[in-house]
Amino acid sequence: MADKFKFALAVLLLVAGVAGFYLLAEQAMILRVLAVLAGTGLASAVAWQTEQGRRFFAFAKEATTEAKKVVWPSRKETMQTTGLVFAFVVVMALFLWLTDKSLEWLLYDLVLGWRKS
């Protein structure tokens, strides 16, 4: 039950931070942003104290660890892949344009006998 209360408090703190942004509309932007950051920070601190919060932060830490294991492509591989994508787009554009013009000629000129002026 205490976890649910803490979680509800965290949500209220987050909402209070966002509400502070709008309630301080006449103030400097830095104060408005600080209100949101303070609400988010306090909400995170309270959420950290719940079981669900600890599991979420553990999951986020594991996700960060896994993201660091990703092998990113080199610049050469990226440029080659980008070139292939552009080439494929050009080929598909030409194919679709030729198909469109062929069907237009077939339907309008041969089948219907309409001539474009």
Protein backbone atom coordinates (compact mmCIF):
# COMPACT_ATOMS: atom_id res chain seq x y z
CA MET A 1 0.00 0.00 0.00
CA ALA A 2 2.88 2.35 0.76
CA ASP A 3 4.25 1.82 -2.76
CA LYS A 4 0.95 2.88 -4.30
CA PHE A 5 0.90 5.99 -2.13
CA LYS A 6 4.48 6.85 -3.09
CA PHE A 7 3.74 6.26 -6.76
CA ALA A 8 0.66 8.50 -6.59
CA LEU A 9 2.77 11.16 -4.87
CA ALA A 10 5.36 10.90 -7.64
CA VAL A 11 2.67 11.38 -10.29
CA LEU A 12 1.30 14.38 -8.41
CA LEU A 13 4.79 15.92 -8.19
CA LEU A 14 5.26 15.44 -11.92
CA VAL A 15 1.88 17.04 -12.64
CA ALA A 16 2.74 19.88 -10.26
CA GLY A 17 5.97 20.54 -12.16
CA VAL A 18 4.14 20.72 -15.48
CA ALA A 19 1.38 22.84 -13.97
CA GLY A 20 4.04 25.17 -12.58
CA PHE A 21 5.29 25.73 -16.11
CA TYR A 22 1.90 27.07 -17.16
CA LEU A 23 1.13 28.91 -13.93
CA LEU A 24 4.40 30.82 -14.20
CA ALA A 25 3.53 32.09 -17.69
CA GLU A 26 4.40 35.67 -16.71
CA GLN A 27 7.83 34.70 -15.33
CA ALA A 28 11.12 34.20 -17.13
CA MET A 29 11.45 31.02 -19.18
CA ILE A 30 14.29 29.77 -16.97
CA LEU A 31 11.96 29.72 -13.93
CA ARG A 32 9.31 27.87 -15.90
CA VAL A 33 11.80 25.24 -17.05
CA LEU A 34 13.20 24.92 -13.54
CA ALA A 35 9.68 24.22 -12.26
CA VAL A 36 9.35 21.32 -14.69
CA LEU A 37 12.82 20.02 -13.87
CA ALA A 38 12.16 20.28 -10.12
CA GLY A 39 8.86 18.41 -10.46
CA THR A 40 10.49 15.73 -12.58
CA GLY A 41 13.44 15.38 -10.21
CA LEU A 42 11.28 15.13 -7.12
CA ALA A 43 8.93 12.68 -8.84
CA SER A 44 11.91 10.52 -9.85
CA ALA A 45 13.28 10.60 -6.31
CA VAL A 46 9.96 9.49 -4.83
CA ALA A 47 9.39 6.88 -7.56
CA TRP A 48 12.86 5.47 -6.85
CA GLN A 49 11.63 4.51 -3.39
CA THR A 50 8.91 2.18 -4.74
CA GLU A 51 9.43 -1.40 -5.83
CA GLN A 52 8.15 -0.60 -9.32
CA GLY A 53 10.49 2.38 -9.48
CA ARG A 54 13.51 0.32 -8.51
CA ARG A 55 12.61 -2.28 -11.15
CA PHE A 56 12.18 0.46 -13.76
CA PHE A 57 15.53 2.06 -12.94
CA ALA A 58 17.21 -1.37 -13.01
CA PHE A 59 15.64 -2.01 -16.42
CA ALA A 60 16.82 1.40 -17.68
CA LYS A 61 20.35 0.65 -16.46
CA GLU A 62 20.34 -2.74 -18.22
CA ALA A 63 18.98 -1.14 -21.40
CA THR A 64 21.81 1.41 -21.32
CA THR A 65 24.34 -1.39 -20.87
CA GLU A 66 22.89 -3.27 -23.84
CA ALA A 67 22.86 -0.13 -26.00
CA LYS A 68 26.58 0.28 -25.33
CA LYS A 69 27.14 -3.21 -26.78
CA VAL A 70 25.73 -2.20 -30.16
CA VAL A 71 28.27 -2.29 -32.96
CA TRP A 72 27.69 0.82 -35.02
CA PRO A 73 28.53 0.79 -38.74
CA SER A 74 31.59 2.61 -39.97
CA ARG A 75 31.33 5.77 -42.05
CA LYS A 76 32.11 3.78 -45.21
CA GLU A 77 29.36 1.24 -44.49
CA THR A 78 26.89 4.01 -43.74
CA MET A 79 27.69 5.84 -46.97
CA GLN A 80 27.40 2.63 -49.00
CA THR A 81 24.05 1.75 -47.47
CA THR A 82 22.75 5.28 -48.00
CA GLY A 83 23.91 5.16 -51.62
CA LEU A 84 22.08 1.88 -52.17
CA VAL A 85 18.89 3.32 -50.68
CA PHE A 86 19.06 6.39 -52.94
CA ALA A 87 19.76 4.20 -55.99
CA PHE A 88 16.80 1.98 -55.15
CA VAL A 89 14.53 5.02 -54.74
CA VAL A 90 15.59 6.36 -58.16
CA VAL A 91 15.05 2.97 -59.83
CA MET A 92 11.60 2.61 -58.21
CA ALA A 93 10.66 6.17 -59.20
CA LEU A 94 11.59 5.47 -62.82
CA PHE A 95 9.75 2.15 -62.79
CA LEU A 96 6.58 3.69 -61.37
CA TRP A 97 6.77 6.63 -63.78
CA LEU A 98 7.16 4.27 -66.76
CA THR A 99 4.32 2.08 -65.51
CA ASP A 100 2.08 5.13 -65.05
CA LYS A 101 2.84 6.52 -68.52
CA SER A 102 2.39 3.09 -70.13
CA LEU A 103 -1.01 2.58 -68.51
CA GLU A 104 -2.00 6.14 -69.38
CA TRP A 105 -1.10 5.58 -73.04
CA LEU A 106 -2.80 2.19 -73.08
CA LEU A 107 -6.05 3.38 -71.52
CA TYR A 108 -6.45 6.88 -72.91
CA ASP A 109 -4.97 6.52 -76.37
CA LEU A 110 -5.69 2.91 -77.35
CA VAL A 111 -8.75 1.81 -75.37
CA LEU A 112 -10.73 5.02 -75.03
CA GLY A 113 -9.36 6.84 -78.02
CA TRP A 114 -8.95 10.11 -76.15
CA ARG A 115 -6.19 12.33 -77.42
CA LYS A 116 -4.54 14.83 -75.20
CA SER A 117 -4.44 18.32 -76.67
